Amino acid sequence: MPTVHVDLAERSYDVVVEPGALAKAGELLGAIGFGKKVAIVSDATVAKFHGEPLKASLAAAGFQTTLHTVPSGEPSKSLSQAEELCRSMIRAGHDRKSSIIALGGGVIGDLSGFVAAIFYRGVPFAQIPTTIVSHVDSSVGGKTGVNVAEGKNLVGAFHQPKLVIVDPELLRTLPAREFLEGFAEVIKHAAIRDAAMLDELAGLDPDSRDVPADLIARNIAIKARIVEADEQELTGERALLNFGHTIGHGIEAAVPYGEMLHGEAISLGLRAALHISVKRAGLAPADAARILGLLKRFCLPVVLSPEITTETVLEKLGRDKKFESGKVRFVVLDRPGSARLSDEVTPEDLREAIEHLRTQP
């Protein structure tokens, strides 16, 4: 089974990628000495499909579990929901010797990790991601957090998991829209670090749920190597993972939670970043068109709704964490597989790129 090691000294951990791995969760967690008193955090939809199989696997390995569910969707990434989870765990008898397992997509991973970081001043947690986005991106790297009215992920903590268990079979239960949105992050990884992956994605059937474990592992390895180089985003290396996210997050924050999925907003952000990269970094228009074609292949949006105003997106951008002292920190692409952080992108470039999203490609 493909295993990606994330080397962060005493915070190191493995990411196991294997079809059917959910049934082995108890065995895998037992092997690393994970605490036997476990709170499973999931959402109502995911728990319906995977909650009982996970509990059975953990019980067989001697774990004592309680299941805590939150409503599905982005609104659950809130301080109020984090507080309710903490209180629910306390009522269930959990304490500083307990551990947490996040069973779900990016929302559950971010929320559970944040709760793990603050519950009794920090308890161990593990990730069992259930979507493409969380398989290849959000479950790895230790970024946890919740949203506030002013923006996404503005309250959080770095808290690395003890283990990540990726079971590609879990993708079969996803609705088509939630399955496809995750490929925005896969395409992003290929664009910034692995140009050869672009060709592989062009040959993948968007209608098939048989996503190769090796492809998932390669994406995770890209994320892992960048995180190892810059765990807490101090040198700028980790910021490369934000390719497409600056404008993408602004768009996502400009609409009511749940109206647009994360990957859908990032797809729009990627098109905007490609436009700026052609203008400011010398990216060949043919290469930009090739990446844009992949977004369209996976049925991801590339045209911005006229109902989302440019001014609203720009206002949301000003609150984003990717701005330092009011200056734009923008990731551009020189060529496929080669990204860098640029300080040459202007506010006018951002405005122009957002307006570009209103045109048909």
Protein backbone atom coordinates (compact mmCIF):
# COMPACT_ATOMS: atom_id res chain seq x y z
CA MET A 1 0.00 0.00 0.00
CA PRO A 2 1.36 3.47 -0.80
CA THR A 3 2.46 5.25 2.37
CA VAL A 4 3.66 8.85 2.42
CA HIS A 5 5.78 9.88 5.41
CA VAL A 6 5.49 13.48 6.57
CA ASP A 7 8.81 14.29 8.25
CA LEU A 8 8.30 16.95 10.91
CA ALA A 9 10.68 15.74 13.67
CA GLU A 10 8.63 14.84 16.75
CA ARG A 11 5.42 15.73 14.87
CA SER A 12 6.08 13.27 12.02
CA TYR A 13 3.38 10.89 10.82
CA ASP A 14 2.39 8.58 7.99
CA VAL A 15 -0.37 8.87 5.43
CA VAL A 16 -1.59 5.40 4.50
CA VAL A 17 -3.33 5.16 1.11
CA GLU A 18 -5.09 1.85 0.52
CA PRO A 19 -8.45 0.74 -0.85
CA GLY A 20 -10.35 -0.84 2.05
CA ALA A 21 -8.21 0.87 4.68
CA LEU A 22 -11.26 1.96 6.70
CA ALA A 23 -11.76 -1.64 7.82
CA LYS A 24 -8.16 -1.67 9.07
CA ALA A 25 -8.40 1.63 10.97
CA GLY A 26 -8.34 -0.02 14.40
CA GLU A 27 -5.29 -2.07 13.50
CA LEU A 28 -3.45 0.91 11.99
CA LEU A 29 -4.20 3.22 14.92
CA GLY A 30 -3.35 0.54 17.45
CA ALA A 31 0.04 0.08 15.81
CA ILE A 32 1.01 3.70 16.54
CA GLY A 33 -0.22 3.64 20.15
CA PHE A 34 -3.21 5.89 19.54
CA GLY A 35 -5.21 6.52 22.74
CA LYS A 36 -7.90 3.92 23.37
CA LYS A 37 -10.56 6.46 24.36
CA VAL A 38 -11.72 8.02 21.11
CA ALA A 39 -14.24 10.65 20.03
CA ILE A 40 -15.19 10.20 16.38
CA VAL A 41 -16.28 13.49 14.80
CA SER A 42 -18.25 13.31 11.58
CA ASP A 43 -21.17 14.91 9.80
CA ALA A 44 -24.61 13.38 9.58
CA THR A 45 -24.23 12.29 5.95
CA VAL A 46 -20.80 10.68 6.24
CA ALA A 47 -21.64 9.00 9.53
CA LYS A 48 -24.60 7.29 7.87
CA PHE A 49 -22.27 5.57 5.40
CA HIS A 50 -19.05 5.06 7.34
CA GLY A 51 -19.68 5.59 11.06
CA GLU A 52 -20.60 2.02 11.98
CA PRO A 53 -17.82 0.34 9.94
CA LEU A 54 -15.27 2.60 11.63
CA LYS A 55 -16.69 1.94 15.10
CA ALA A 56 -16.60 -1.81 14.42
CA SER A 57 -12.98 -1.70 13.30
CA LEU A 58 -11.98 0.32 16.38
CA ALA A 59 -13.95 -1.91 18.76
CA ALA A 60 -12.24 -5.00 17.37
CA ALA A 61 -8.91 -3.37 18.23
CA GLY A 62 -9.96 -2.55 21.79
CA PHE A 63 -10.89 1.11 21.37
CA GLN A 64 -13.76 2.74 23.28
CA THR A 65 -15.59 5.20 21.04
CA THR A 66 -18.29 7.83 21.05
CA LEU A 67 -19.68 9.35 17.85
CA HIS A 68 -20.30 13.09 17.60
CA THR A 69 -21.99 14.43 14.47
CA VAL A 70 -22.46 17.95 13.17
CA PRO A 71 -24.66 19.19 10.32
CA SER A 72 -23.15 18.72 6.87
CA GLY A 73 -21.67 21.75 5.14
CA GLU A 74 -19.44 24.76 5.58
CA PRO A 75 -21.60 26.46 8.27
CA SER A 76 -20.39 23.81 10.74
CA LYS A 77 -16.89 25.31 10.58
CA SER A 78 -17.72 27.82 13.32
CA LEU A 79 -16.64 28.75 16.83
CA SER A 80 -20.10 27.89 18.12
CA GLN A 81 -19.90 24.40 16.63
CA ALA A 82 -16.40 23.92 18.03
CA GLU A 83 -17.70 24.86 21.48
CA GLU A 84 -20.63 22.46 21.15
CA LEU A 85 -18.30 19.63 20.16
CA CYS A 86 -16.07 20.28 23.17
CA ARG A 87 -19.08 20.28 25.47
CA SER A 88 -20.49 17.14 23.86
CA MET A 89 -17.17 15.34 24.37
CA ILE A 90 -17.00 16.44 28.01
CA ARG A 91 -20.54 15.20 28.60
CA ALA A 92 -19.53 11.88 27.04
CA GLY A 93 -16.68 11.50 29.54
CA HIS A 94 -13.73 12.54 27.41
CA ASP A 95 -10.71 14.22 28.98
CA ARG A 96 -7.05 15.02 28.34
CA LYS A 97 -6.30 11.31 27.76
CA SER A 98 -8.82 11.05 24.94
CA SER A 99 -8.11 11.23 21.22
CA ILE A 100 -10.16 12.46 18.26
CA ILE A 101 -10.73 10.94 14.83
CA ALA A 102 -11.97 13.19 12.03
CA LEU A 103 -14.18 11.17 9.68
CA GLY A 104 -15.28 13.34 6.78
CA GLY A 105 -14.23 15.95 4.26
CA GLY A 106 -12.32 19.19 4.66
CA VAL A 107 -14.91 20.83 6.91
CA ILE A 108 -14.80 17.95 9.39
CA GLY A 109 -11.02 17.72 9.25
CA ASP A 110 -10.52 21.44 9.88
CA LEU A 111 -13.14 21.56 12.64
CA SER A 112 -12.02 18.35 14.37
CA GLY A 113 -8.37 19.35 14.21
CA PHE A 114 -9.18 22.71 15.76
CA VAL A 115 -11.16 21.04 18.54
CA ALA A 116 -8.25 18.62 19.08
CA ALA A 117 -5.89 21.60 19.36
CA ILE A 118 -7.94 23.30 22.08
CA PHE A 119 -9.68 20.45 23.95
CA TYR A 120 -7.94 20.20 27.35
CA ARG A 121 -5.23 22.37 25.74
CA GLY A 122 -4.59 19.79 23.04
CA VAL A 123 -5.22 16.09 22.44
CA PRO A 124 -4.02 13.75 19.65
CA PHE A 125 -6.12 13.29 16.54
CA ALA A 126 -6.16 11.27 13.34
CA GLN A 127 -7.71 11.98 9.96
CA ILE A 128 -9.86 9.62 7.87
CA PRO A 129 -10.75 11.87 4.92
CA THR A 130 -13.70 11.01 2.68
CA THR A 131 -13.46 13.43 -0.28
CA ILE A 132 -10.90 14.13 -3.00
CA VAL A 133 -10.13 17.55 -1.50
CA SER A 134 -9.45 16.07 1.91
CA HIS A 135 -7.58 13.05 0.48
CA VAL A 136 -5.03 15.09 -1.43
CA ASP A 137 -4.93 18.35 0.49
CA SER A 138 -6.68 19.33 3.70
CA SER A 139 -6.02 16.16 5.75
CA VAL A 140 -2.26 16.67 5.51
CA GLY A 141 -0.24 19.56 6.91
CA GLY A 142 -1.76 20.35 10.28
CA LYS A 143 -3.74 23.46 9.38
CA THR A 144 -6.93 23.51 11.42
CA GLY A 145 -9.50 26.22 11.87
CA VAL A 146 -12.97 27.64 11.67
CA ASN A 147 -14.60 30.50 9.80
CA VAL A 148 -15.92 33.79 11.14
CA ALA A 149 -18.20 36.29 9.44
CA GLU A 150 -15.17 38.25 8.23
CA GLY A 151 -13.60 35.34 6.34
CA LYS A 152 -12.57 31.69 6.03
CA ASN A 153 -10.13 29.98 8.37
CA LEU A 154 -9.26 33.15 10.25
CA VAL A 155 -9.36 31.39 13.65
CA GLY A 156 -7.29 28.24 13.97
CA ALA A 157 -4.09 26.50 14.99
CA PHE A 158 -1.34 24.31 13.58
CA HIS A 159 -1.99 20.83 15.01
CA GLN A 160 -0.54 17.86 13.14
CA PRO A 161 -2.41 14.53 13.07
CA LYS A 162 -0.84 11.33 14.40
CA LEU A 163 -1.96 9.35 11.34
CA VAL A 164 -3.94 9.89 8.15
CA ILE A 165 -5.85 6.93 6.69
CA VAL A 166 -6.91 7.42 3.07
CA ASP A 167 -9.34 4.86 1.66
CA PRO A 168 -10.17 5.62 -2.00
CA GLU A 169 -13.18 3.31 -1.78
CA LEU A 170 -14.94 5.94 0.35
CA LEU A 171 -15.18 8.19 -2.72
CA ARG A 172 -17.87 5.91 -4.15
CA THR A 173 -20.48 7.29 -1.76
CA LEU A 174 -19.98 10.94 -2.82
CA PRO A 175 -22.51 12.83 -4.96
CA ALA A 176 -21.03 13.68 -8.38
CA ARG A 177 -20.63 17.39 -7.64
CA GLU A 178 -18.71 16.79 -4.39
CA PHE A 179 -16.57 14.14 -6.08
CA LEU A 180 -15.54 16.35 -8.99
CA GLU A 181 -14.85 19.54 -7.01
CA GLY A 182 -11.81 17.92 -5.42
CA PHE A 183 -10.00 17.71 -8.71
CA ALA A 184 -9.38 21.46 -8.54
CA GLU A 185 -6.79 20.71 -5.85
CA VAL A 186 -5.34 17.80 -7.85
CA ILE A 187 -4.95 20.04 -10.90
CA LYS A 188 -3.38 22.71 -8.68
CA HIS A 189 -0.77 20.24 -7.39
CA ALA A 190 0.08 19.17 -10.92
CA ALA A 191 0.34 22.80 -12.04
CA ILE A 192 2.74 23.85 -9.28
CA ARG A 193 4.93 20.74 -8.91
CA ASP A 194 4.26 17.85 -11.32
CA ALA A 195 3.69 18.77 -14.97
CA ALA A 196 3.62 15.08 -15.97
CA MET A 197 0.51 14.63 -13.84
CA LEU A 198 -1.36 16.98 -16.17
CA ASP A 199 -1.14 14.35 -18.92
CA GLU A 200 -2.35 11.63 -16.54
CA LEU A 201 -5.33 13.73 -15.53
CA ALA A 202 -6.18 14.30 -19.18
CA GLY A 203 -6.48 10.52 -19.54
CA LEU A 204 -8.62 10.02 -16.42
CA ASP A 205 -12.34 9.35 -16.80
CA PRO A 206 -14.22 12.00 -14.77
CA ASP A 207 -17.20 9.64 -14.51
CA SER A 208 -15.18 6.84 -12.89
CA ARG A 209 -14.82 6.56 -9.13
CA ASP A 210 -11.75 4.34 -9.53
CA VAL A 211 -9.21 6.97 -8.60
CA PRO A 212 -5.74 5.32 -8.58
CA ALA A 213 -4.21 5.10 -5.10
CA ASP A 214 -0.84 6.02 -6.61
CA LEU A 215 -2.27 9.26 -8.02
CA ILE A 216 -3.65 10.18 -4.60
CA ALA A 217 -0.32 9.31 -2.96
CA ARG A 218 1.62 11.46 -5.45
CA ASN A 219 -0.60 14.42 -4.64
CA ILE A 220 -0.12 13.85 -0.92
CA ALA A 221 3.66 13.63 -1.42
CA ILE A 222 3.64 17.05 -3.14
CA LYS A 223 1.80 18.54 -0.18
CA ALA A 224 4.03 16.70 2.32
CA ARG A 225 7.32 17.90 0.82
CA ILE A 226 6.13 21.52 0.82
CA VAL A 227 4.85 21.26 4.41
CA GLU A 228 8.15 19.74 5.53
CA ALA A 229 10.00 22.71 4.06
CA ASP A 230 7.74 25.33 5.66
CA GLU A 231 5.39 23.85 8.28
CA GLN A 232 4.01 27.13 9.61
CA GLU A 233 4.28 29.26 6.45
CA LEU A 234 7.30 31.23 7.63
CA THR A 235 9.58 31.07 4.56
CA GLY A 236 7.03 31.39 1.77
CA GLU A 237 7.45 27.83 0.46
CA ARG A 238 4.12 26.63 1.85
CA ALA A 239 2.39 29.61 0.28
CA LEU A 240 2.90 27.92 -3.12
CA LEU A 241 -0.01 25.67 -2.17
CA ASN A 242 -2.18 28.80 -2.37
CA PHE A 243 -2.00 28.89 -6.17
CA GLY A 244 -5.54 29.82 -7.21
CA HIS A 245 -6.65 30.33 -3.62
CA THR A 246 -6.27 34.09 -3.19
CA ILE A 247 -9.06 35.04 -5.58
CA GLY A 248 -10.75 31.65 -5.08
CA HIS A 249 -11.23 32.27 -1.36
CA GLY A 250 -12.48 35.77 -2.11
CA ILE A 251 -15.14 34.34 -4.41
CA GLU A 252 -16.05 31.62 -1.93
CA ALA A 253 -16.48 34.19 0.83
CA ALA A 254 -18.60 36.42 -1.43
CA VAL A 255 -21.52 34.00 -1.53
CA PRO A 256 -23.55 32.39 1.27
CA TYR A 257 -21.88 29.33 2.78
CA GLY A 258 -22.75 26.18 0.89
CA GLU A 259 -23.81 27.94 -2.30
CA MET A 260 -20.44 27.23 -3.88
CA LEU A 261 -18.20 24.30 -3.00
CA HIS A 262 -14.57 24.95 -2.10
CA GLY A 263 -13.17 23.27 -5.19
CA GLU A 264 -15.57 25.17 -7.43
CA ALA A 265 -14.34 28.49 -6.04
CA ILE A 266 -10.73 27.34 -6.36
CA SER A 267 -11.37 26.42 -10.00
CA LEU A 268 -12.37 30.02 -10.67
CA GLY A 269 -9.36 31.19 -8.67
CA LEU A 270 -7.08 28.97 -10.76
CA ARG A 271 -8.35 30.50 -13.99
CA ALA A 272 -7.72 33.98 -12.56
CA ALA A 273 -4.23 32.95 -11.40
CA LEU A 274 -3.45 31.55 -14.85
CA HIS A 275 -4.50 34.87 -16.41
CA ILE A 276 -2.20 36.79 -14.06
CA SER A 277 0.61 34.28 -14.64
CA VAL A 278 0.46 34.86 -18.40
CA LYS A 279 0.63 38.61 -17.79
CA ARG A 280 3.19 38.75 -14.96
CA ALA A 281 5.23 35.53 -15.05
CA GLY A 282 5.55 34.70 -18.72
CA LEU A 283 3.38 31.58 -18.61
CA ALA A 284 2.73 30.47 -22.18
CA PRO A 285 -0.92 31.01 -23.16
CA ALA A 286 -0.99 27.45 -24.53
CA ASP A 287 0.02 26.07 -21.13
CA ALA A 288 -2.63 28.18 -19.41
CA ALA A 289 -5.21 26.87 -21.89
CA ARG A 290 -4.11 23.28 -21.22
CA ILE A 291 -4.69 23.63 -17.47
CA LEU A 292 -7.96 25.47 -18.05
CA GLY A 293 -9.05 22.57 -20.27
CA LEU A 294 -8.55 20.15 -17.38
CA LEU A 295 -10.79 22.24 -15.13
CA LYS A 296 -13.49 22.07 -17.78
CA ARG A 297 -12.90 18.33 -18.27
CA PHE A 298 -13.78 17.73 -14.62
CA CYS A 299 -16.92 19.89 -14.95
CA LEU A 300 -15.51 22.65 -12.75
CA PRO A 301 -16.77 26.23 -13.20
CA VAL A 302 -14.55 28.69 -15.05
CA VAL A 303 -17.02 31.59 -15.54
CA LEU A 304 -17.99 33.85 -12.64
CA SER A 305 -21.66 34.52 -12.00
CA PRO A 306 -22.69 38.14 -12.74
CA GLU A 307 -24.43 38.14 -9.35
CA ILE A 308 -21.01 38.12 -7.63
CA THR A 309 -19.67 41.64 -7.87
CA THR A 310 -16.00 42.41 -8.35
CA GLU A 311 -16.11 44.88 -5.45
CA THR A 312 -17.40 42.20 -3.06
CA VAL A 313 -14.65 39.77 -4.06
CA LEU A 314 -11.97 42.46 -3.66
CA GLU A 315 -13.35 43.42 -0.25
CA LYS A 316 -13.12 39.79 0.89
CA LEU A 317 -9.58 39.55 -0.50
CA GLY A 318 -8.42 42.37 1.75
CA ARG A 319 -9.16 40.21 4.81
CA ASP A 320 -7.41 37.12 3.50
CA LYS A 321 -4.45 35.68 5.41
CA LYS A 322 -2.42 35.67 2.19
CA PHE A 323 -2.02 39.45 2.42
CA GLU A 324 0.83 40.83 4.53
CA SER A 325 0.66 44.42 5.73
CA GLY A 326 -1.84 45.15 2.99
CA LYS A 327 0.47 43.84 0.23
CA VAL A 328 -0.51 41.15 -2.24
CA ARG A 329 1.29 37.81 -1.87
CA PHE A 330 0.32 36.09 -5.08
CA VAL A 331 1.43 32.72 -6.42
CA VAL A 332 2.17 32.68 -10.14
CA LEU A 333 3.16 29.95 -12.57
CA ASP A 334 6.23 30.40 -14.79
CA ARG A 335 5.51 27.10 -16.55
CA PRO A 336 3.67 23.89 -15.66
CA GLY A 337 5.33 22.38 -12.59
CA SER A 338 7.06 25.61 -11.57
CA ALA A 339 5.32 28.07 -9.22
CA ARG A 340 6.72 31.00 -7.27
CA LEU A 341 5.58 33.79 -4.98
CA SER A 342 5.42 37.18 -6.66
CA ASP A 343 5.33 40.70 -5.26
CA GLU A 344 4.71 42.21 -8.70
CA VAL A 345 0.96 41.56 -8.78
CA THR A 346 -1.02 44.77 -8.28
CA PRO A 347 -4.55 45.36 -7.00
CA GLU A 348 -5.44 46.35 -10.55
CA ASP A 349 -4.19 42.95 -11.75
CA LEU A 350 -6.57 41.30 -9.30
CA ARG A 351 -9.48 43.40 -10.49
CA GLU A 352 -8.68 42.64 -14.12
CA ALA A 353 -8.40 38.90 -13.41
CA ILE A 354 -11.79 38.85 -11.67
CA GLU A 355 -13.34 40.64 -14.65
CA HIS A 356 -11.62 38.12 -16.95
CA LEU A 357 -13.63 35.40 -15.20
CA ARG A 358 -16.81 36.89 -16.66
CA THR A 359 -15.70 36.00 -20.20
CA GLN A 360 -16.20 32.63 -21.88
CA PRO A 361 -12.90 30.75 -22.33
